[in-house]
Amino acid sequence: MWAPRGAYFVLTGFTFPLRGIYEGLLNMSQVSRGFTLVEILIVVVILGILAAIVVPLMGGATQDASIATASTELNKVRRAVEVFMVSNDNTLPTVVAGDGTWGEIVTPAYLREAPVNNYVGGSNSRVIVIGTGPDTAFQTDHGWVYNSTTGEVWAGGFDGNDEPLPRP
């Protein structure tokens, strides 16, 4: 057992003198209880540097996620149109231009809800236009292009190879 006694350290019957820093550790009134201003500023600067590195990386990840989500939704719509055609003697679904107006394919058998094109984003991400081909430039007017003659579907803001068009 040890116990501090003045400027000496007692350990199971042996007594050792304490010198220098060890004497200060035993005296609790000399122990620092907080951080200095310089230490706090160093921590703030390090956190700022880390934030400056991480925030731009998250911006790129957000765009990648919106592209992946739009591609997934596009594949779901295409499969729903194909399943509808197989189930209805090659009859195309009645899709009209408008906000999420996919007609008969928005049912539990095909699609539970109208798809959202997160790459286009905004209030027009569910809007369907009737057209004959994919977009040629990025736009935010509609989320989907449907060809009512062939049943083909394209995501707004994507080209004919299902690659995202560059944003302006």
N, C-alpha and C. Protein backbone atom coordinates (compact mmCIF):
# COMPACT_ATOMS: atom_id res chain seq x y z
N MET A 1 0.85 -1.18 0.00
CA MET A 1 0.00 0.00 0.00
C MET A 1 0.89 1.23 0.00
N TRP A 2 0.49 2.22 -0.71
CA TRP A 2 1.27 3.45 -0.75
C TRP A 2 0.42 4.60 -0.28
N ALA A 3 1.04 5.60 0.19
CA ALA A 3 0.33 6.80 0.64
C ALA A 3 1.29 7.97 0.58
N PRO A 4 0.82 9.14 0.09
CA PRO A 4 1.69 10.31 0.07
C PRO A 4 1.84 10.85 1.50
N ARG A 5 3.02 11.28 1.85
CA ARG A 5 3.25 11.88 3.16
C ARG A 5 4.23 13.02 2.96
N GLY A 6 3.71 14.23 2.83
CA GLY A 6 4.58 15.39 2.63
C GLY A 6 5.32 15.28 1.32
N ALA A 7 6.65 15.35 1.40
CA ALA A 7 7.48 15.27 0.21
C ALA A 7 8.07 13.89 0.06
N TYR A 8 7.43 12.88 0.69
CA TYR A 8 7.94 11.52 0.61
C TYR A 8 6.85 10.58 0.12
N PHE A 9 7.27 9.50 -0.45
CA PHE A 9 6.36 8.49 -0.95
C PHE A 9 6.60 7.23 -0.14
N VAL A 10 5.55 6.72 0.49
CA VAL A 10 5.70 5.56 1.35
C VAL A 10 5.06 4.37 0.66
N LEU A 11 5.81 3.28 0.51
CA LEU A 11 5.31 2.08 -0.13
C LEU A 11 5.69 0.89 0.74
N THR A 12 4.71 0.29 1.35
CA THR A 12 4.86 -0.89 2.22
C THR A 12 6.13 -0.85 3.08
N GLY A 13 6.24 0.20 3.82
CA GLY A 13 7.34 0.30 4.77
C GLY A 13 8.57 1.00 4.25
N PHE A 14 8.71 1.19 2.93
CA PHE A 14 9.86 1.89 2.38
C PHE A 14 9.47 3.33 2.11
N THR A 15 10.32 4.26 2.37
CA THR A 15 10.05 5.67 2.16
C THR A 15 11.01 6.21 1.10
N PHE A 16 10.42 6.85 0.06
CA PHE A 16 11.22 7.42 -1.02
C PHE A 16 10.96 8.91 -1.08
N PRO A 17 11.97 9.74 -1.25
CA PRO A 17 11.73 11.18 -1.40
C PRO A 17 11.17 11.47 -2.79
N LEU A 18 10.24 12.41 -2.86
CA LEU A 18 9.66 12.82 -4.14
C LEU A 18 10.32 14.11 -4.59
N ARG A 19 10.67 14.17 -5.82
CA ARG A 19 11.35 15.34 -6.34
C ARG A 19 10.64 15.81 -7.62
N GLY A 20 10.77 17.06 -7.94
CA GLY A 20 10.34 17.63 -9.21
C GLY A 20 8.86 17.51 -9.49
N ILE A 21 8.54 16.96 -10.63
CA ILE A 21 7.15 16.92 -11.11
C ILE A 21 6.27 16.03 -10.25
N TYR A 22 6.85 15.00 -9.63
CA TYR A 22 6.03 14.09 -8.85
C TYR A 22 5.45 14.77 -7.61
N GLU A 23 6.18 15.75 -7.04
CA GLU A 23 5.63 16.48 -5.90
C GLU A 23 4.40 17.28 -6.35
N GLY A 24 4.46 17.86 -7.56
CA GLY A 24 3.34 18.65 -8.07
C GLY A 24 2.10 17.81 -8.33
N LEU A 25 2.29 16.57 -8.73
CA LEU A 25 1.15 15.71 -8.99
C LEU A 25 0.39 15.37 -7.73
N LEU A 26 1.10 15.30 -6.60
CA LEU A 26 0.44 14.96 -5.35
C LEU A 26 -0.31 16.13 -4.76
N ASN A 27 0.08 17.34 -5.12
CA ASN A 27 -0.58 18.53 -4.61
C ASN A 27 -1.68 18.92 -5.59
N MET A 28 -2.93 18.64 -5.28
CA MET A 28 -4.05 18.84 -6.20
C MET A 28 -4.30 20.30 -6.53
N SER A 29 -3.86 21.22 -5.70
CA SER A 29 -4.09 22.64 -5.99
C SER A 29 -3.25 23.10 -7.17
N GLN A 30 -2.19 22.37 -7.51
CA GLN A 30 -1.33 22.75 -8.62
C GLN A 30 -1.74 22.08 -9.93
N VAL A 31 -2.68 21.14 -9.92
CA VAL A 31 -3.08 20.43 -11.12
C VAL A 31 -4.00 21.32 -11.96
N SER A 32 -3.71 21.43 -13.27
CA SER A 32 -4.52 22.24 -14.18
C SER A 32 -5.86 21.54 -14.42
N ARG A 33 -6.94 22.31 -14.41
CA ARG A 33 -8.27 21.73 -14.55
C ARG A 33 -8.93 22.06 -15.90
N GLY A 34 -8.29 22.77 -16.80
CA GLY A 34 -8.92 23.12 -18.06
C GLY A 34 -7.92 23.19 -19.20
N PHE A 35 -8.43 23.54 -20.38
CA PHE A 35 -7.59 23.69 -21.55
C PHE A 35 -7.22 25.15 -21.72
N THR A 36 -6.07 25.38 -22.30
CA THR A 36 -5.67 26.75 -22.58
C THR A 36 -6.33 27.20 -23.87
N LEU A 37 -6.34 28.49 -24.11
CA LEU A 37 -6.93 29.05 -25.31
C LEU A 37 -6.22 28.53 -26.56
N VAL A 38 -4.93 28.38 -26.50
CA VAL A 38 -4.16 27.89 -27.64
C VAL A 38 -4.57 26.46 -27.98
N GLU A 39 -4.74 25.61 -26.98
CA GLU A 39 -5.14 24.23 -27.22
C GLU A 39 -6.52 24.17 -27.87
N ILE A 40 -7.43 24.98 -27.41
CA ILE A 40 -8.78 25.01 -27.98
C ILE A 40 -8.73 25.50 -29.43
N LEU A 41 -7.94 26.53 -29.71
CA LEU A 41 -7.83 27.05 -31.08
C LEU A 41 -7.22 26.01 -32.02
N ILE A 42 -6.25 25.25 -31.54
CA ILE A 42 -5.66 24.20 -32.38
C ILE A 42 -6.70 23.15 -32.74
N VAL A 43 -7.51 22.75 -31.79
CA VAL A 43 -8.56 21.77 -32.06
C VAL A 43 -9.57 22.32 -33.06
N VAL A 44 -9.95 23.58 -32.93
CA VAL A 44 -10.91 24.20 -33.85
C VAL A 44 -10.33 24.25 -35.27
N VAL A 45 -9.06 24.59 -35.39
CA VAL A 45 -8.42 24.65 -36.72
C VAL A 45 -8.38 23.26 -37.34
N ILE A 46 -8.03 22.25 -36.56
CA ILE A 46 -7.98 20.88 -37.09
C ILE A 46 -9.36 20.43 -37.55
N LEU A 47 -10.39 20.72 -36.77
CA LEU A 47 -11.76 20.36 -37.17
C LEU A 47 -12.18 21.11 -38.44
N GLY A 48 -11.78 22.36 -38.57
CA GLY A 48 -12.08 23.12 -39.78
C GLY A 48 -11.43 22.53 -41.01
N ILE A 49 -10.18 22.10 -40.87
CA ILE A 49 -9.48 21.48 -41.99
C ILE A 49 -10.16 20.17 -42.39
N LEU A 50 -10.53 19.36 -41.41
CA LEU A 50 -11.22 18.10 -41.71
C LEU A 50 -12.56 18.35 -42.39
N ALA A 51 -13.30 19.36 -41.93
CA ALA A 51 -14.58 19.68 -42.55
C ALA A 51 -14.38 20.15 -43.99
N ALA A 52 -13.32 20.92 -44.24
CA ALA A 52 -13.05 21.40 -45.60
C ALA A 52 -12.71 20.25 -46.54
N ILE A 53 -12.17 19.18 -46.00
CA ILE A 53 -11.85 18.01 -46.83
C ILE A 53 -13.09 17.16 -47.08
N VAL A 54 -13.92 16.98 -46.05
CA VAL A 54 -15.04 16.04 -46.13
C VAL A 54 -16.24 16.61 -46.88
N VAL A 55 -16.56 17.87 -46.70
CA VAL A 55 -17.77 18.45 -47.28
C VAL A 55 -17.79 18.34 -48.81
N PRO A 56 -16.73 18.68 -49.54
CA PRO A 56 -16.80 18.49 -51.00
C PRO A 56 -16.98 17.04 -51.42
N LEU A 57 -16.42 16.11 -50.65
CA LEU A 57 -16.60 14.70 -50.98
C LEU A 57 -18.06 14.29 -50.86
N MET A 58 -18.75 14.84 -49.87
CA MET A 58 -20.16 14.52 -49.68
C MET A 58 -21.01 15.08 -50.82
N GLY A 59 -20.64 16.22 -51.37
CA GLY A 59 -21.37 16.79 -52.49
C GLY A 59 -21.34 15.88 -53.70
N GLY A 60 -20.18 15.31 -53.99
CA GLY A 60 -20.06 14.36 -55.11
C GLY A 60 -20.83 13.09 -54.85
N ALA A 61 -20.84 12.65 -53.61
CA ALA A 61 -21.57 11.43 -53.27
C ALA A 61 -23.07 11.64 -53.43
N THR A 62 -23.54 12.83 -53.14
CA THR A 62 -24.97 13.13 -53.29
C THR A 62 -25.39 13.04 -54.75
N GLN A 63 -24.59 13.60 -55.65
CA GLN A 63 -24.93 13.54 -57.07
C GLN A 63 -24.86 12.10 -57.57
N ASP A 64 -23.85 11.36 -57.15
CA ASP A 64 -23.76 9.95 -57.56
C ASP A 64 -24.98 9.16 -57.08
N ALA A 65 -25.43 9.45 -55.87
CA ALA A 65 -26.60 8.75 -55.34
C ALA A 65 -27.86 9.10 -56.12
N SER A 66 -28.02 10.37 -56.52
CA SER A 66 -29.21 10.75 -57.29
C SER A 66 -29.20 10.11 -58.67
N ILE A 67 -28.02 9.96 -59.27
CA ILE A 67 -27.91 9.29 -60.58
C ILE A 67 -28.27 7.81 -60.43
N ALA A 68 -27.73 7.17 -59.40
CA ALA A 68 -28.02 5.75 -59.18
C ALA A 68 -29.50 5.52 -58.90
N THR A 69 -30.10 6.40 -58.12
CA THR A 69 -31.52 6.26 -57.81
C THR A 69 -32.38 6.43 -59.06
N ALA A 70 -32.04 7.42 -59.89
CA ALA A 70 -32.80 7.64 -61.13
C ALA A 70 -32.66 6.43 -62.06
N SER A 71 -31.47 5.85 -62.14
CA SER A 71 -31.27 4.66 -62.99
C SER A 71 -32.09 3.48 -62.48
N THR A 72 -32.14 3.32 -61.16
CA THR A 72 -32.93 2.23 -60.58
C THR A 72 -34.41 2.43 -60.86
N GLU A 73 -34.89 3.65 -60.69
CA GLU A 73 -36.30 3.95 -60.96
C GLU A 73 -36.63 3.73 -62.44
N LEU A 74 -35.71 4.10 -63.33
CA LEU A 74 -35.91 3.89 -64.77
C LEU A 74 -36.06 2.41 -65.07
N ASN A 75 -35.20 1.59 -64.48
CA ASN A 75 -35.30 0.15 -64.72
C ASN A 75 -36.62 -0.41 -64.18
N LYS A 76 -37.08 0.09 -63.04
CA LYS A 76 -38.37 -0.36 -62.49
C LYS A 76 -39.52 -0.01 -63.44
N VAL A 77 -39.50 1.20 -63.98
CA VAL A 77 -40.58 1.62 -64.90
C VAL A 77 -40.55 0.77 -66.16
N ARG A 78 -39.36 0.55 -66.70
CA ARG A 78 -39.26 -0.27 -67.92
C ARG A 78 -39.77 -1.68 -67.68
N ARG A 79 -39.41 -2.28 -66.54
CA ARG A 79 -39.92 -3.62 -66.23
C ARG A 79 -41.43 -3.62 -66.04
N ALA A 80 -41.95 -2.59 -65.40
CA ALA A 80 -43.40 -2.51 -65.19
C ALA A 80 -44.14 -2.42 -66.52
N VAL A 81 -43.59 -1.64 -67.47
CA VAL A 81 -44.22 -1.54 -68.80
C VAL A 81 -44.17 -2.90 -69.50
N GLU A 82 -43.03 -3.59 -69.41
CA GLU A 82 -42.90 -4.90 -70.05
C GLU A 82 -43.87 -5.92 -69.43
N VAL A 83 -43.95 -5.95 -68.12
CA VAL A 83 -44.86 -6.89 -67.45
C VAL A 83 -46.31 -6.56 -67.81
N PHE A 84 -46.63 -5.29 -67.87
CA PHE A 84 -47.98 -4.89 -68.26
C PHE A 84 -48.30 -5.39 -69.67
N MET A 85 -47.35 -5.21 -70.58
CA MET A 85 -47.58 -5.65 -71.96
C MET A 85 -47.75 -7.17 -72.04
N VAL A 86 -46.94 -7.91 -71.31
CA VAL A 86 -47.05 -9.37 -71.32
C VAL A 86 -48.40 -9.80 -70.73
N SER A 87 -48.82 -9.14 -69.69
CA SER A 87 -50.08 -9.50 -69.02
C SER A 87 -51.31 -9.08 -69.81
N ASN A 88 -51.15 -8.15 -70.76
CA ASN A 88 -52.31 -7.60 -71.48
C ASN A 88 -52.18 -7.74 -73.00
N ASP A 89 -51.71 -8.88 -73.46
CA ASP A 89 -51.64 -9.19 -74.89
C ASP A 89 -50.93 -8.10 -75.71
N ASN A 90 -49.74 -7.68 -75.25
CA ASN A 90 -48.91 -6.67 -75.91
C ASN A 90 -49.59 -5.32 -76.06
N THR A 91 -50.54 -5.01 -75.19
CA THR A 91 -51.18 -3.70 -75.18
C THR A 91 -50.34 -2.77 -74.31
N LEU A 92 -50.04 -1.59 -74.83
CA LEU A 92 -49.26 -0.61 -74.05
C LEU A 92 -50.13 0.02 -72.97
N PRO A 93 -49.55 0.37 -71.83
CA PRO A 93 -50.33 1.06 -70.80
C PRO A 93 -50.72 2.46 -71.26
N THR A 94 -51.82 2.95 -70.74
CA THR A 94 -52.28 4.29 -71.07
C THR A 94 -51.56 5.29 -70.16
N VAL A 95 -50.54 5.90 -70.73
CA VAL A 95 -49.76 6.90 -69.99
C VAL A 95 -50.01 8.23 -70.66
N VAL A 96 -50.35 9.24 -69.86
CA VAL A 96 -50.58 10.57 -70.41
C VAL A 96 -49.58 11.54 -69.80
N ALA A 97 -49.33 12.62 -70.51
CA ALA A 97 -48.41 13.64 -70.00
C ALA A 97 -48.99 14.25 -68.73
N GLY A 98 -48.13 14.46 -67.78
CA GLY A 98 -48.58 15.08 -66.53
C GLY A 98 -47.72 14.67 -65.36
N ASP A 99 -48.18 15.00 -64.17
CA ASP A 99 -47.42 14.77 -62.94
C ASP A 99 -47.71 13.38 -62.38
N GLY A 100 -46.86 12.42 -62.70
CA GLY A 100 -47.00 11.06 -62.17
C GLY A 100 -48.17 10.29 -62.73
N THR A 101 -48.58 10.59 -63.95
CA THR A 101 -49.76 9.96 -64.56
C THR A 101 -49.35 8.73 -65.36
N TRP A 102 -48.95 7.67 -64.68
CA TRP A 102 -48.52 6.45 -65.33
C TRP A 102 -49.68 5.50 -65.61
N GLY A 103 -50.87 5.91 -65.33
CA GLY A 103 -52.04 5.10 -65.66
C GLY A 103 -52.10 3.78 -64.93
N GLU A 104 -52.36 2.71 -65.69
CA GLU A 104 -52.60 1.39 -65.10
C GLU A 104 -51.36 0.75 -64.47
N ILE A 105 -50.16 1.26 -64.75
CA ILE A 105 -48.99 0.57 -64.18
C ILE A 105 -48.68 1.03 -62.75
N VAL A 106 -49.36 2.07 -62.26
CA VAL A 106 -49.18 2.44 -60.85
C VAL A 106 -50.26 1.73 -60.05
N THR A 107 -50.04 0.45 -59.87
CA THR A 107 -50.89 -0.43 -59.06
C THR A 107 -49.95 -1.40 -58.34
N PRO A 108 -50.41 -2.06 -57.30
CA PRO A 108 -49.53 -3.00 -56.59
C PRO A 108 -48.94 -4.10 -57.48
N ALA A 109 -49.59 -4.41 -58.60
CA ALA A 109 -49.07 -5.46 -59.47
C ALA A 109 -47.85 -5.01 -60.28
N TYR A 110 -47.71 -3.70 -60.51
CA TYR A 110 -46.62 -3.21 -61.37
C TYR A 110 -45.70 -2.24 -60.61
N LEU A 111 -46.21 -1.08 -60.29
CA LEU A 111 -45.47 -0.08 -59.50
C LEU A 111 -46.35 0.36 -58.33
N ARG A 112 -45.78 0.39 -57.14
CA ARG A 112 -46.58 0.81 -55.98
C ARG A 112 -46.88 2.30 -55.99
N GLU A 113 -45.93 3.09 -56.52
CA GLU A 113 -46.13 4.54 -56.59
C GLU A 113 -45.40 5.07 -57.81
N ALA A 114 -45.78 6.27 -58.21
CA ALA A 114 -45.15 6.88 -59.38
C ALA A 114 -43.67 7.13 -59.09
N PRO A 115 -42.80 6.81 -60.04
CA PRO A 115 -41.37 6.98 -59.81
C PRO A 115 -40.96 8.45 -59.76
N VAL A 116 -39.84 8.70 -59.06
CA VAL A 116 -39.28 10.04 -58.91
C VAL A 116 -37.90 10.04 -59.54
N ASN A 117 -37.61 11.02 -60.36
CA ASN A 117 -36.29 11.17 -60.96
C ASN A 117 -35.50 12.16 -60.12
N ASN A 118 -34.68 11.64 -59.20
CA ASN A 118 -33.92 12.50 -58.29
C ASN A 118 -32.81 13.27 -59.00
N TYR A 119 -32.38 12.82 -60.16
CA TYR A 119 -31.34 13.55 -60.88
C TYR A 119 -31.88 14.89 -61.38
N VAL A 120 -33.12 14.90 -61.86
CA VAL A 120 -33.75 16.15 -62.26
C VAL A 120 -34.12 16.95 -61.02
N GLY A 121 -34.68 16.24 -60.02
CA GLY A 121 -35.02 16.87 -58.75
C GLY A 121 -36.14 17.88 -58.87
N GLY A 122 -36.50 18.45 -57.75
CA GLY A 122 -37.51 19.49 -57.72
C GLY A 122 -38.92 18.98 -57.91
N SER A 123 -39.81 19.92 -58.16
CA SER A 123 -41.23 19.59 -58.28
C SER A 123 -41.56 18.87 -59.58
N ASN A 124 -40.69 18.91 -60.56
CA ASN A 124 -40.96 18.26 -61.85
C ASN A 124 -40.38 16.85 -61.96
N SER A 125 -39.89 16.30 -60.87
CA SER A 125 -39.22 15.00 -60.93
C SER A 125 -40.17 13.84 -61.23
N ARG A 126 -41.49 14.04 -61.09
CA ARG A 126 -42.47 13.01 -61.41
C ARG A 126 -43.18 13.26 -62.74
N VAL A 127 -42.93 14.40 -63.36
CA VAL A 127 -43.65 14.81 -64.57
C VAL A 127 -43.23 13.95 -65.76
N ILE A 128 -44.23 13.50 -66.51
CA ILE A 128 -44.02 12.68 -67.71
C ILE A 128 -44.36 13.52 -68.93
N VAL A 129 -43.52 13.43 -69.94
CA VAL A 129 -43.85 14.02 -71.24
C VAL A 129 -43.90 12.89 -72.26
N ILE A 130 -44.72 13.07 -73.27
CA ILE A 130 -44.81 12.10 -74.36
C ILE A 130 -43.83 12.55 -75.43
N GLY A 131 -42.91 11.66 -75.81
CA GLY A 131 -41.90 12.01 -76.80
C GLY A 131 -41.47 10.79 -77.57
N THR A 132 -40.51 11.02 -78.48
CA THR A 132 -40.05 9.91 -79.32
C THR A 132 -38.60 9.54 -79.02
N GLY A 133 -37.98 10.21 -78.08
CA GLY A 133 -36.58 9.88 -77.76
C GLY A 133 -36.14 10.54 -76.49
N PRO A 134 -34.93 10.22 -76.05
CA PRO A 134 -34.42 10.77 -74.80
C PRO A 134 -34.04 12.25 -74.95
N ASP A 135 -33.74 12.85 -73.82
CA ASP A 135 -33.30 14.24 -73.83
C ASP A 135 -31.94 14.36 -74.51
N THR A 136 -31.69 15.52 -75.09
CA THR A 136 -30.39 15.79 -75.70
C THR A 136 -29.56 16.75 -74.86
N ALA A 137 -30.19 17.39 -73.88
CA ALA A 137 -29.49 18.30 -72.96
C ALA A 137 -30.18 18.21 -71.61
N PHE A 138 -29.43 18.49 -70.56
CA PHE A 138 -30.02 18.44 -69.23
C PHE A 138 -31.11 19.49 -69.10
N GLN A 139 -32.21 19.11 -68.45
CA GLN A 139 -33.33 20.03 -68.24
C GLN A 139 -33.99 19.69 -66.91
N THR A 140 -34.82 20.58 -66.43
CA THR A 140 -35.56 20.33 -65.18
C THR A 140 -37.06 20.46 -65.39
N ASP A 141 -37.51 20.38 -66.66
CA ASP A 141 -38.93 20.53 -66.97
C ASP A 141 -39.73 19.25 -66.72
N HIS A 142 -39.09 18.09 -66.81
CA HIS A 142 -39.78 16.82 -66.64
C HIS A 142 -38.81 15.77 -66.11
N GLY A 143 -39.38 14.73 -65.53
CA GLY A 143 -38.57 13.65 -64.99
C GLY A 143 -38.49 12.44 -65.90
N TRP A 144 -39.48 12.29 -66.79
CA TRP A 144 -39.57 11.08 -67.60
C TRP A 144 -40.05 11.40 -69.01
N VAL A 145 -39.59 10.62 -69.97
CA VAL A 145 -40.05 10.71 -71.36
C VAL A 145 -40.62 9.35 -71.72
N TYR A 146 -41.86 9.33 -72.20
CA TYR A 146 -42.52 8.08 -72.57
C TYR A 146 -42.93 8.15 -74.04
N ASN A 147 -42.59 7.10 -74.79
CA ASN A 147 -43.00 6.99 -76.18
C ASN A 147 -44.26 6.14 -76.20
N SER A 148 -45.40 6.75 -76.47
CA SER A 148 -46.68 6.04 -76.42
C SER A 148 -46.88 5.09 -77.59
N THR A 149 -46.03 5.17 -78.61
CA THR A 149 -46.12 4.27 -79.75
C THR A 149 -45.36 2.97 -79.50
N THR A 150 -44.17 3.07 -78.88
CA THR A 150 -43.32 1.89 -78.69
C THR A 150 -43.30 1.41 -77.24
N GLY A 151 -43.69 2.25 -76.30
CA GLY A 151 -43.63 1.89 -74.89
C GLY A 151 -42.27 2.12 -74.25
N GLU A 152 -41.35 2.75 -75.00
CA GLU A 152 -40.02 3.02 -74.44
C GLU A 152 -40.10 4.15 -73.41
N VAL A 153 -39.22 4.06 -72.43
CA VAL A 153 -39.17 5.06 -71.36
C VAL A 153 -37.74 5.51 -71.19
N TRP A 154 -37.55 6.81 -71.00
CA TRP A 154 -36.23 7.38 -70.72
C TRP A 154 -36.35 8.29 -69.52
N ALA A 155 -35.28 8.37 -68.77
CA ALA A 155 -35.24 9.29 -67.63
C ALA A 155 -34.86 10.66 -68.14
N GLY A 156 -35.56 11.68 -67.66
CA GLY A 156 -35.20 13.06 -68.01
C GLY A 156 -33.80 13.38 -67.52
N GLY A 157 -33.03 14.07 -68.34
CA GLY A 157 -31.67 14.40 -67.96
C GLY A 157 -30.66 13.32 -68.29
N PHE A 158 -31.12 12.23 -68.94
CA PHE A 158 -30.24 11.14 -69.35
C PHE A 158 -30.26 11.04 -70.87
N ASP A 159 -29.18 10.52 -71.44
CA ASP A 159 -29.14 10.36 -72.90
C ASP A 159 -29.70 8.99 -73.30
N GLY A 160 -29.56 8.65 -74.59
CA GLY A 160 -30.10 7.39 -75.10
C GLY A 160 -29.38 6.15 -74.58
N ASN A 161 -28.18 6.33 -74.03
CA ASN A 161 -27.44 5.20 -73.44
C ASN A 161 -27.63 5.12 -71.93
N ASP A 162 -28.61 5.82 -71.42
CA ASP A 162 -28.91 5.89 -69.99
C ASP A 162 -27.76 6.44 -69.17
N GLU A 163 -27.01 7.35 -69.75
CA GLU A 163 -25.94 8.06 -69.04
C GLU A 163 -26.45 9.46 -68.72
N PRO A 164 -26.11 9.99 -67.54
CA PRO A 164 -26.60 11.33 -67.20
C PRO A 164 -25.95 12.40 -68.08
N LEU A 165 -26.78 13.33 -68.50
CA LEU A 165 -26.27 14.48 -69.26
C LEU A 165 -25.68 15.47 -68.26
N PRO A 166 -24.62 16.18 -68.64
CA PRO A 166 -23.99 17.12 -67.69
C PRO A 166 -24.94 18.26 -67.31
N ARG A 167 -24.91 18.59 -66.05
CA ARG A 167 -25.71 19.73 -65.58
C ARG A 167 -25.03 21.03 -65.97
N PRO A 168 -25.83 22.05 -66.27
CA PRO A 168 -25.21 23.33 -66.66
C PRO A 168 -24.52 24.02 -65.50
